């Protein structure tokens, strides 16, 4: 379980940092400006920030154990 959790955390952080390594290619091959690349990065970071605030409010109201259970149930039903 610990290994599975570590892989899940790695994947979520890798996904949020995926634009950085390809930013040069986006600029050279696709003609993206630095501003557009920044907008792309922000569009992937904003939902993460908003969900963190929302989850924090849920944890404060319902407790970490209950919210963790809800997240596990929702995550197991989510279609991938």
N, C-alpha and C. Protein backbone atom coordinates (compact mmCIF):
# COMPACT_ATOMS: atom_id res chain seq x y z
N UNK A 1 0.82 -1.18 0.00
CA UNK A 1 0.00 0.00 0.00
C UNK A 1 0.87 1.25 0.00
N UNK A 2 1.94 1.21 0.78
CA UNK A 2 2.80 2.38 0.83
C UNK A 2 3.43 2.64 -0.54
N UNK A 3 3.86 1.59 -1.21
CA UNK A 3 4.42 1.74 -2.55
C UNK A 3 3.41 2.29 -3.54
N UNK A 4 2.18 1.80 -3.46
CA UNK A 4 1.11 2.29 -4.34
C UNK A 4 0.82 3.76 -4.06
N UNK A 5 0.79 4.13 -2.80
CA UNK A 5 0.56 5.53 -2.45
C UNK A 5 1.71 6.40 -2.95
N UNK A 6 2.93 5.91 -2.85
CA UNK A 6 4.09 6.68 -3.32
C UNK A 6 4.03 6.87 -4.83
N UNK A 7 3.63 5.85 -5.55
CA UNK A 7 3.50 5.97 -7.01
C UNK A 7 2.40 6.97 -7.37
N UNK A 8 1.28 6.93 -6.65
CA UNK A 8 0.18 7.86 -6.93
C UNK A 8 0.62 9.30 -6.68
N UNK A 9 1.34 9.53 -5.60
CA UNK A 9 1.82 10.88 -5.30
C UNK A 9 2.83 11.33 -6.35
N UNK A 10 3.73 10.44 -6.74
CA UNK A 10 4.71 10.78 -7.77
C UNK A 10 4.01 11.17 -9.07
N UNK A 11 3.01 10.39 -9.46
CA UNK A 11 2.30 10.67 -10.71
C UNK A 11 1.57 12.01 -10.66
N UNK A 12 0.97 12.32 -9.53
CA UNK A 12 0.24 13.59 -9.44
C UNK A 12 1.19 14.77 -9.51
N UNK A 13 2.36 14.67 -8.89
CA UNK A 13 3.32 15.77 -8.98
C UNK A 13 3.97 15.83 -10.35
N UNK A 14 4.21 14.70 -10.97
CA UNK A 14 4.81 14.69 -12.30
C UNK A 14 3.88 15.34 -13.30
N UNK A 15 2.61 15.07 -13.18
CA UNK A 15 1.62 15.65 -14.09
C UNK A 15 1.60 17.17 -13.98
N UNK A 16 1.70 17.68 -12.77
CA UNK A 16 1.63 19.13 -12.60
C UNK A 16 2.91 19.83 -13.06
N UNK A 17 4.00 19.11 -13.18
CA UNK A 17 5.26 19.70 -13.64
C UNK A 17 5.60 19.32 -15.08
N UNK A 18 4.67 18.77 -15.81
CA UNK A 18 4.97 18.25 -17.14
C UNK A 18 5.22 19.34 -18.17
N UNK A 19 4.72 20.54 -17.94
CA UNK A 19 4.89 21.60 -18.94
C UNK A 19 6.32 22.13 -18.95
N UNK A 20 6.97 22.18 -17.80
CA UNK A 20 8.33 22.71 -17.73
C UNK A 20 9.31 22.07 -18.67
N UNK A 21 9.41 20.74 -18.70
CA UNK A 21 10.38 20.12 -19.60
C UNK A 21 10.09 20.31 -21.09
N UNK A 22 8.83 20.54 -21.45
CA UNK A 22 8.51 20.68 -22.87
C UNK A 22 8.28 22.14 -23.28
N UNK A 23 8.51 23.07 -22.37
CA UNK A 23 8.27 24.48 -22.68
C UNK A 23 9.10 24.95 -23.87
N UNK A 24 10.34 24.53 -23.94
CA UNK A 24 11.20 24.93 -25.05
C UNK A 24 10.66 24.40 -26.38
N UNK A 25 10.20 23.15 -26.38
CA UNK A 25 9.63 22.57 -27.59
C UNK A 25 8.35 23.28 -27.99
N UNK A 26 7.53 23.64 -27.02
CA UNK A 26 6.30 24.37 -27.33
C UNK A 26 6.61 25.71 -27.99
N UNK A 27 7.65 26.36 -27.52
CA UNK A 27 8.04 27.64 -28.10
C UNK A 27 8.62 27.50 -29.49
N UNK A 28 9.52 26.55 -29.66
CA UNK A 28 10.20 26.40 -30.96
C UNK A 28 9.32 25.75 -32.01
N UNK A 29 8.65 24.65 -31.67
CA UNK A 29 7.93 23.89 -32.67
C UNK A 29 6.48 24.34 -32.87
N UNK A 30 5.86 24.86 -31.82
CA UNK A 30 4.45 25.24 -31.91
C UNK A 30 4.23 26.75 -31.88
N UNK A 31 5.29 27.52 -31.66
CA UNK A 31 5.17 28.97 -31.69
C UNK A 31 4.51 29.59 -30.47
N UNK A 32 4.50 28.88 -29.35
CA UNK A 32 3.94 29.43 -28.12
C UNK A 32 4.84 30.55 -27.60
N UNK A 33 4.23 31.61 -27.09
CA UNK A 33 5.01 32.66 -26.44
C UNK A 33 5.21 32.28 -24.97
N UNK A 34 6.11 32.99 -24.30
CA UNK A 34 6.33 32.72 -22.88
C UNK A 34 5.06 32.97 -22.07
N UNK A 35 4.30 33.97 -22.48
CA UNK A 35 3.04 34.27 -21.79
C UNK A 35 2.05 33.13 -21.94
N UNK A 36 1.96 32.54 -23.12
CA UNK A 36 1.06 31.41 -23.34
C UNK A 36 1.50 30.18 -22.55
N UNK A 37 2.78 29.96 -22.47
CA UNK A 37 3.29 28.84 -21.67
C UNK A 37 2.98 29.07 -20.20
N UNK A 38 3.12 30.32 -19.74
CA UNK A 38 2.76 30.66 -18.37
C UNK A 38 1.28 30.46 -18.10
N UNK A 39 0.44 30.83 -19.07
CA UNK A 39 -1.00 30.61 -18.94
C UNK A 39 -1.33 29.11 -18.86
N UNK A 40 -0.62 28.33 -19.64
CA UNK A 40 -0.81 26.88 -19.62
C UNK A 40 -0.45 26.30 -18.25
N UNK A 41 0.67 26.76 -17.71
CA UNK A 41 1.09 26.32 -16.38
C UNK A 41 0.09 26.75 -15.32
N UNK A 42 -0.38 27.99 -15.40
CA UNK A 42 -1.35 28.48 -14.43
C UNK A 42 -2.66 27.72 -14.52
N UNK A 43 -3.08 27.36 -15.72
CA UNK A 43 -4.34 26.64 -15.87
C UNK A 43 -4.28 25.25 -15.24
N UNK A 44 -3.10 24.69 -15.13
CA UNK A 44 -2.98 23.39 -14.46
C UNK A 44 -2.75 23.55 -12.96
N UNK A 45 -2.26 24.72 -12.52
CA UNK A 45 -2.00 24.94 -11.10
C UNK A 45 -3.22 25.45 -10.34
N UNK A 46 -4.07 26.24 -10.99
CA UNK A 46 -5.23 26.83 -10.31
C UNK A 46 -6.20 25.78 -9.75
N UNK A 47 -6.58 24.76 -10.51
CA UNK A 47 -7.47 23.75 -9.92
C UNK A 47 -6.85 23.05 -8.70
N UNK A 48 -5.55 22.85 -8.74
CA UNK A 48 -4.87 22.22 -7.60
C UNK A 48 -5.00 23.09 -6.36
N UNK A 49 -4.79 24.39 -6.52
CA UNK A 49 -4.91 25.32 -5.41
C UNK A 49 -6.34 25.37 -4.89
N UNK A 50 -7.31 25.48 -5.79
CA UNK A 50 -8.70 25.57 -5.37
C UNK A 50 -9.17 24.30 -4.68
N UNK A 51 -8.75 23.15 -5.18
CA UNK A 51 -9.13 21.89 -4.53
C UNK A 51 -8.48 21.75 -3.16
N UNK A 52 -7.27 22.25 -3.00
CA UNK A 52 -6.61 22.19 -1.70
C UNK A 52 -7.37 23.03 -0.67
N UNK A 53 -7.82 24.20 -1.07
CA UNK A 53 -8.60 25.04 -0.15
C UNK A 53 -9.93 24.37 0.18
N UNK A 54 -10.61 23.86 -0.85
CA UNK A 54 -11.89 23.19 -0.64
C UNK A 54 -11.74 21.97 0.26
N UNK A 55 -10.72 21.16 0.01
CA UNK A 55 -10.50 19.98 0.85
C UNK A 55 -10.14 20.36 2.28
N UNK A 56 -9.40 21.44 2.45
CA UNK A 56 -9.08 21.91 3.79
C UNK A 56 -10.33 22.30 4.56
N UNK A 57 -11.25 22.98 3.87
CA UNK A 57 -12.52 23.34 4.51
C UNK A 57 -13.34 22.10 4.88
N UNK A 58 -13.35 21.12 3.98
CA UNK A 58 -14.06 19.87 4.29
C UNK A 58 -13.45 19.15 5.49
N UNK A 59 -12.12 19.12 5.54
CA UNK A 59 -11.45 18.45 6.66
C UNK A 59 -11.72 19.17 7.97
N UNK A 60 -11.73 20.50 7.94
CA UNK A 60 -12.05 21.25 9.15
C UNK A 60 -13.46 20.98 9.63
N UNK A 61 -14.37 20.81 8.70
CA UNK A 61 -15.78 20.63 9.08
C UNK A 61 -16.10 19.18 9.47
N UNK A 62 -15.60 18.20 8.70
CA UNK A 62 -16.00 16.80 8.90
C UNK A 62 -14.92 15.91 9.49
N UNK A 63 -13.69 16.37 9.55
CA UNK A 63 -12.61 15.57 10.11
C UNK A 63 -11.84 14.83 9.03
N UNK A 64 -10.57 14.58 9.29
CA UNK A 64 -9.73 13.96 8.26
C UNK A 64 -10.10 12.52 7.93
N UNK A 65 -10.53 11.75 8.90
CA UNK A 65 -10.85 10.34 8.63
C UNK A 65 -12.05 10.22 7.69
N UNK A 66 -13.08 10.99 7.94
CA UNK A 66 -14.28 10.92 7.11
C UNK A 66 -14.00 11.43 5.69
N UNK A 67 -13.26 12.52 5.57
CA UNK A 67 -12.96 13.08 4.25
C UNK A 67 -12.04 12.13 3.47
N UNK A 68 -11.10 11.49 4.15
CA UNK A 68 -10.23 10.52 3.49
C UNK A 68 -11.05 9.35 2.95
N UNK A 69 -12.01 8.88 3.73
CA UNK A 69 -12.88 7.78 3.28
C UNK A 69 -13.69 8.22 2.07
N UNK A 70 -14.27 9.42 2.11
CA UNK A 70 -15.04 9.93 0.97
C UNK A 70 -14.16 10.01 -0.28
N UNK A 71 -12.95 10.54 -0.11
CA UNK A 71 -12.04 10.68 -1.25
C UNK A 71 -11.67 9.32 -1.83
N UNK A 72 -11.47 8.33 -0.96
CA UNK A 72 -11.13 6.98 -1.44
C UNK A 72 -12.30 6.37 -2.21
N UNK A 73 -13.50 6.57 -1.71
CA UNK A 73 -14.67 6.03 -2.40
C UNK A 73 -14.87 6.71 -3.75
N UNK A 74 -14.78 8.02 -3.77
CA UNK A 74 -14.95 8.75 -5.02
C UNK A 74 -13.84 8.39 -6.00
N UNK A 75 -12.61 8.29 -5.51
CA UNK A 75 -11.48 7.94 -6.36
C UNK A 75 -11.58 6.54 -6.93
N UNK A 76 -12.16 5.62 -6.19
CA UNK A 76 -12.29 4.26 -6.69
C UNK A 76 -13.41 4.13 -7.71
N UNK A 77 -14.36 5.04 -7.69
CA UNK A 77 -15.47 5.00 -8.65
C UNK A 77 -15.22 5.86 -9.88
N UNK A 78 -14.23 6.71 -9.83
CA UNK A 78 -13.99 7.63 -10.92
C UNK A 78 -13.55 6.86 -12.17
N UNK A 79 -14.19 7.15 -13.29
CA UNK A 79 -13.78 6.46 -14.54
C UNK A 79 -12.46 7.03 -15.05
N UNK A 80 -11.54 6.14 -15.36
CA UNK A 80 -10.24 6.58 -15.88
C UNK A 80 -10.08 6.14 -17.28
